[in-house]
Amino acid sequence: MASFLSRLTFANDAVNSAMGGAAYYAPVFNLAMLAAFWMLFLWVGLRLHEWGRRAES
């Protein structure tokens, strides 16, 4: 279960699939999950940046 919450699982699976190996998840699902993690971390980073700018004021 913990590996499902790791973005590295989907990146590794996508690379393995691209190299001709067997994929555990569908390639489209891997890309969708990587995009979802990217959006999540971008949103968290923007919130932290905004919080830091407010603290300076």
PDB file of N, CA and C in Angstrom:
ATOM      1  N   MET A   1       0.824  -1.198   0.000  1.00  0.00           N
ATOM      2  CA  MET A   1       0.000   0.000   0.000  1.00  0.00           C
ATOM      3  C   MET A   1       0.860   1.251   0.000  1.00  0.00           C
ATOM      4  N   ALA A   2       1.943   1.247   0.764  1.00  0.00           N
ATOM      5  CA  ALA A   2       2.801   2.437   0.834  1.00  0.00           C
ATOM      6  C   ALA A   2       3.433   2.741  -0.511  1.00  0.00           C
ATOM      7  N   SER A   3       3.751   1.721  -1.286  1.00  0.00           N
ATOM      8  CA  SER A   3       4.368   1.972  -2.589  1.00  0.00           C
ATOM      9  C   SER A   3       3.397   2.649  -3.549  1.00  0.00           C
ATOM     10  N   PHE A   4       2.105   2.459  -3.338  1.00  0.00           N
ATOM     11  CA  PHE A   4       1.116   3.122  -4.200  1.00  0.00           C
ATOM     12  C   PHE A   4       1.120   4.626  -3.970  1.00  0.00           C
ATOM     13  N   LEU A   5       1.569   5.071  -2.792  1.00  0.00           N
ATOM     14  CA  LEU A   5       1.596   6.493  -2.481  1.00  0.00           C
ATOM     15  C   LEU A   5       2.916   7.154  -2.847  1.00  0.00           C
ATOM     16  N   SER A   6       3.823   6.420  -3.439  1.00  0.00           N
ATOM     17  CA  SER A   6       5.123   6.960  -3.814  1.00  0.00           C
ATOM     18  C   SER A   6       5.147   7.274  -5.305  1.00  0.00           C
ATOM     19  N   ARG A   7       5.584   8.483  -5.630  1.00  0.00           N
ATOM     20  CA  ARG A   7       5.672   8.861  -7.041  1.00  0.00           C
ATOM     21  C   ARG A   7       6.761   8.077  -7.756  1.00  0.00           C
ATOM     22  N   LEU A   8       7.749   7.572  -7.016  1.00  0.00           N
ATOM     23  CA  LEU A   8       8.824   6.805  -7.630  1.00  0.00           C
ATOM     24  C   LEU A   8       8.323   5.483  -8.195  1.00  0.00           C
ATOM     25  N   THR A   9       7.276   4.932  -7.607  1.00  0.00           N
ATOM     26  CA  THR A   9       6.701   3.695  -8.125  1.00  0.00           C
ATOM     27  C   THR A   9       6.228   3.889  -9.560  1.00  0.00           C
ATOM     28  N   PHE A  10       5.545   4.988  -9.810  1.00  0.00           N
ATOM     29  CA  PHE A  10       4.981   5.236 -11.141  1.00  0.00           C
ATOM     30  C   PHE A  10       6.065   5.620 -12.139  1.00  0.00           C
ATOM     31  N   ALA A  11       7.073   6.370 -11.697  1.00  0.00           N
ATOM     32  CA  ALA A  11       8.181   6.716 -12.590  1.00  0.00           C
ATOM     33  C   ALA A  11       8.961   5.460 -12.975  1.00  0.00           C
ATOM     34  N   ASN A  12       9.238   4.602 -12.011  1.00  0.00           N
ATOM     35  CA  ASN A  12       9.960   3.367 -12.270  1.00  0.00           C
ATOM     36  C   ASN A  12       9.163   2.460 -13.203  1.00  0.00           C
ATOM     37  N   ASP A  13       7.881   2.361 -12.967  1.00  0.00           N
ATOM     38  CA  ASP A  13       7.033   1.509 -13.804  1.00  0.00           C
ATOM     39  C   ASP A  13       6.960   2.042 -15.232  1.00  0.00           C
ATOM     40  N   ALA A  14       6.900   3.375 -15.386  1.00  0.00           N
ATOM     41  CA  ALA A  14       6.846   3.974 -16.721  1.00  0.00           C
ATOM     42  C   ALA A  14       8.150   3.731 -17.470  1.00  0.00           C
ATOM     43  N   VAL A  15       9.283   3.886 -16.792  1.00  0.00           N
ATOM     44  CA  VAL A  15      10.579   3.634 -17.439  1.00  0.00           C
ATOM     45  C   VAL A  15      10.725   2.163 -17.781  1.00  0.00           C
ATOM     46  N   ASN A  16      10.322   1.290 -16.884  1.00  0.00           N
ATOM     47  CA  ASN A  16      10.392  -0.148 -17.143  1.00  0.00           C
ATOM     48  C   ASN A  16       9.549  -0.510 -18.368  1.00  0.00           C
ATOM     49  N   SER A  17       8.378   0.069 -18.462  1.00  0.00           N
ATOM     50  CA  SER A  17       7.503  -0.191 -19.607  1.00  0.00           C
ATOM     51  C   SER A  17       8.112   0.356 -20.900  1.00  0.00           C
ATOM     52  N   ALA A  18       8.720   1.540 -20.827  1.00  0.00           N
ATOM     53  CA  ALA A  18       9.329   2.146 -22.010  1.00  0.00           C
ATOM     54  C   ALA A  18      10.522   1.335 -22.519  1.00  0.00           C
ATOM     55  N   MET A  19      11.201   0.639 -21.614  1.00  0.00           N
ATOM     56  CA  MET A  19      12.357  -0.176 -22.006  1.00  0.00           C
ATOM     57  C   MET A  19      11.952  -1.575 -22.454  1.00  0.00           C
ATOM     58  N   GLY A  20      10.654  -1.820 -22.519  1.00  0.00           N
ATOM     59  CA  GLY A  20      10.187  -3.111 -23.016  1.00  0.00           C
ATOM     60  C   GLY A  20       9.902  -4.131 -21.932  1.00  0.00           C
ATOM     61  N   GLY A  21      10.013  -3.737 -20.694  1.00  0.00           N
ATOM     62  CA  GLY A  21       9.731  -4.653 -19.592  1.00  0.00           C
ATOM     63  C   GLY A  21       8.245  -4.719 -19.298  1.00  0.00           C
ATOM     64  N   ALA A  22       7.904  -5.572 -18.380  1.00  0.00           N
ATOM     65  CA  ALA A  22       6.507  -5.713 -17.980  1.00  0.00           C
ATOM     66  C   ALA A  22       6.130  -4.571 -17.038  1.00  0.00           C
ATOM     67  N   ALA A  23       4.998  -3.988 -17.276  1.00  0.00           N
ATOM     68  CA  ALA A  23       4.510  -2.890 -16.435  1.00  0.00           C
ATOM     69  C   ALA A  23       3.440  -3.417 -15.492  1.00  0.00           C
ATOM     70  N   TYR A  24       3.468  -2.924 -14.268  1.00  0.00           N
ATOM     71  CA  TYR A  24       2.452  -3.316 -13.296  1.00  0.00           C
ATOM     72  C   TYR A  24       1.167  -2.536 -13.528  1.00  0.00           C
ATOM     73  N   TYR A  25       1.312  -1.242 -13.831  1.00  0.00           N
ATOM     74  CA  TYR A  25       0.169  -0.368 -14.122  1.00  0.00           C
ATOM     75  C   TYR A  25       0.191   0.009 -15.598  1.00  0.00           C
ATOM     76  N   ALA A  26      -0.943   0.456 -16.099  1.00  0.00           N
ATOM     77  CA  ALA A  26      -1.021   0.909 -17.487  1.00  0.00           C
ATOM     78  C   ALA A  26      -0.194   2.188 -17.648  1.00  0.00           C
ATOM     79  N   PRO A  27       0.466   2.374 -18.797  1.00  0.00           N
ATOM     80  CA  PRO A  27       1.281   3.572 -19.002  1.00  0.00           C
ATOM     81  C   PRO A  27       0.500   4.884 -18.845  1.00  0.00           C
ATOM     82  N   VAL A  28      -0.737   4.901 -19.281  1.00  0.00           N
ATOM     83  CA  VAL A  28      -1.549   6.113 -19.137  1.00  0.00           C
ATOM     84  C   VAL A  28      -1.798   6.410 -17.658  1.00  0.00           C
ATOM     85  N   PHE A  29      -2.019   5.362 -16.880  1.00  0.00           N
ATOM     86  CA  PHE A  29      -2.224   5.543 -15.444  1.00  0.00           C
ATOM     87  C   PHE A  29      -0.948   6.063 -14.784  1.00  0.00           C
ATOM     88  N   ASN A  30       0.211   5.534 -15.191  1.00  0.00           N
ATOM     89  CA  ASN A  30       1.479   6.017 -14.654  1.00  0.00           C
ATOM     90  C   ASN A  30       1.651   7.504 -14.928  1.00  0.00           C
ATOM     91  N   LEU A  31       1.402   7.921 -16.149  1.00  0.00           N
ATOM     92  CA  LEU A  31       1.547   9.338 -16.505  1.00  0.00           C
ATOM     93  C   LEU A  31       0.532  10.202 -15.766  1.00  0.00           C
ATOM     94  N   ALA A  32      -0.677   9.710 -15.611  1.00  0.00           N
ATOM     95  CA  ALA A  32      -1.697  10.472 -14.883  1.00  0.00           C
ATOM     96  C   ALA A  32      -1.306  10.639 -13.422  1.00  0.00           C
ATOM     97  N   MET A  33      -0.780   9.591 -12.811  1.00  0.00           N
ATOM     98  CA  MET A  33      -0.373   9.683 -11.414  1.00  0.00           C
ATOM     99  C   MET A  33       0.845  10.597 -11.252  1.00  0.00           C
ATOM    100  N   LEU A  34       1.786  10.543 -12.188  1.00  0.00           N
ATOM    101  CA  LEU A  34       2.930  11.455 -12.126  1.00  0.00           C
ATOM    102  C   LEU A  34       2.479  12.901 -12.266  1.00  0.00           C
ATOM    103  N   ALA A  35       1.526  13.154 -13.147  1.00  0.00           N
ATOM    104  CA  ALA A  35       0.985  14.510 -13.297  1.00  0.00           C
ATOM    105  C   ALA A  35       0.252  14.945 -12.029  1.00  0.00           C
ATOM    106  N   ALA A  36      -0.477  14.033 -11.411  1.00  0.00           N
ATOM    107  CA  ALA A  36      -1.183  14.361 -10.171  1.00  0.00           C
ATOM    108  C   ALA A  36      -0.204  14.692  -9.051  1.00  0.00           C
ATOM    109  N   PHE A  37       0.871  13.907  -8.927  1.00  0.00           N
ATOM    110  CA  PHE A  37       1.884  14.208  -7.912  1.00  0.00           C
ATOM    111  C   PHE A  37       2.558  15.542  -8.205  1.00  0.00           C
ATOM    112  N   TRP A  38       2.848  15.818  -9.480  1.00  0.00           N
ATOM    113  CA  TRP A  38       3.465  17.086  -9.855  1.00  0.00           C
ATOM    114  C   TRP A  38       2.568  18.250  -9.436  1.00  0.00           C
ATOM    115  N   MET A  39       1.271  18.155  -9.728  1.00  0.00           N
ATOM    116  CA  MET A  39       0.340  19.222  -9.353  1.00  0.00           C
ATOM    117  C   MET A  39       0.247  19.373  -7.839  1.00  0.00           C
ATOM    118  N   LEU A  40       0.235  18.261  -7.121  1.00  0.00           N
ATOM    119  CA  LEU A  40       0.170  18.307  -5.657  1.00  0.00           C
ATOM    120  C   LEU A  40       1.389  19.014  -5.073  1.00  0.00           C
ATOM    121  N   PHE A  41       2.589  18.620  -5.518  1.00  0.00           N
ATOM    122  CA  PHE A  41       3.803  19.225  -4.981  1.00  0.00           C
ATOM    123  C   PHE A  41       3.950  20.679  -5.417  1.00  0.00           C
ATOM    124  N   LEU A  42       3.495  21.013  -6.610  1.00  0.00           N
ATOM    125  CA  LEU A  42       3.508  22.405  -7.045  1.00  0.00           C
ATOM    126  C   LEU A  42       2.585  23.237  -6.164  1.00  0.00           C
ATOM    127  N   TRP A  43       1.400  22.729  -5.895  1.00  0.00           N
ATOM    128  CA  TRP A  43       0.439  23.444  -5.046  1.00  0.00           C
ATOM    129  C   TRP A  43       0.998  23.634  -3.634  1.00  0.00           C
ATOM    130  N   VAL A  44       1.598  22.590  -3.069  1.00  0.00           N
ATOM    131  CA  VAL A  44       2.190  22.704  -1.730  1.00  0.00           C
ATOM    132  C   VAL A  44       3.323  23.728  -1.734  1.00  0.00           C
ATOM    133  N   GLY A  45       4.161  23.708  -2.754  1.00  0.00           N
ATOM    134  CA  GLY A  45       5.252  24.662  -2.848  1.00  0.00           C
ATOM    135  C   GLY A  45       4.763  26.096  -2.952  1.00  0.00           C
ATOM    136  N   LEU A  46       3.714  26.308  -3.739  1.00  0.00           N
ATOM    137  CA  LEU A  46       3.150  27.653  -3.863  1.00  0.00           C
ATOM    138  C   LEU A  46       2.540  28.120  -2.553  1.00  0.00           C
ATOM    139  N   ARG A  47       1.871  27.225  -1.839  1.00  0.00           N
ATOM    140  CA  ARG A  47       1.289  27.600  -0.533  1.00  0.00           C
ATOM    141  C   ARG A  47       2.392  27.948   0.464  1.00  0.00           C
ATOM    142  N   LEU A  48       3.475  27.170   0.484  1.00  0.00           N
ATOM    143  CA  LEU A  48       4.581  27.461   1.392  1.00  0.00           C
ATOM    144  C   LEU A  48       5.253  28.786   1.037  1.00  0.00           C
ATOM    145  N   HIS A  49       5.392  29.059  -0.250  1.00  0.00           N
ATOM    146  CA  HIS A  49       5.976  30.324  -0.679  1.00  0.00           C
ATOM    147  C   HIS A  49       5.091  31.495  -0.251  1.00  0.00           C
ATOM    148  N   GLU A  50       3.802  31.349  -0.457  1.00  0.00           N
ATOM    149  CA  GLU A  50       2.859  32.398  -0.050  1.00  0.00           C
ATOM    150  C   GLU A  50       2.886  32.589   1.469  1.00  0.00           C
ATOM    151  N   TRP A  51       2.947  31.521   2.206  1.00  0.00           N
ATOM    152  CA  TRP A  51       2.995  31.586   3.667  1.00  0.00           C
ATOM    153  C   TRP A  51       4.278  32.294   4.129  1.00  0.00           C
ATOM    154  N   GLY A  52       5.398  31.996   3.467  1.00  0.00           N
ATOM    155  CA  GLY A  52       6.666  32.639   3.801  1.00  0.00           C
ATOM    156  C   GLY A  52       6.662  34.128   3.496  1.00  0.00           C
ATOM    157  N   ARG A  53       6.041  34.501   2.399  1.00  0.00           N
ATOM    158  CA  ARG A  53       5.969  35.926   2.040  1.00  0.00           C
ATOM    159  C   ARG A  53       5.100  36.689   3.034  1.00  0.00           C
ATOM    160  N   ARG A  54       4.036  36.063   3.520  1.00  0.00           N
ATOM    161  CA  ARG A  54       3.184  36.715   4.516  1.00  0.00           C
ATOM    162  C   ARG A  54       3.929  36.891   5.839  1.00  0.00           C
ATOM    163  N   ALA A  55       4.773  35.931   6.197  1.00  0.00           N
ATOM    164  CA  ALA A  55       5.514  35.981   7.442  1.00  0.00           C
ATOM    165  C   ALA A  55       6.545  37.114   7.423  1.00  0.00           C
ATOM    166  N   GLU A  56       7.070  37.446   6.235  1.00  0.00           N
ATOM    167  CA  GLU A  56       8.051  38.523   6.110  1.00  0.00           C
ATOM    168  C   GLU A  56       7.419  39.898   6.286  1.00  0.00           C
ATOM    169  N   SER A  57       6.160  40.015   5.966  1.00  0.00           N
ATOM    170  CA  SER A  57       5.487  41.325   6.002  1.00  0.00           C
ATOM    171  C   SER A  57       5.235  41.819   7.390  1.00  0.00           C
TER     172      SER A  57
END
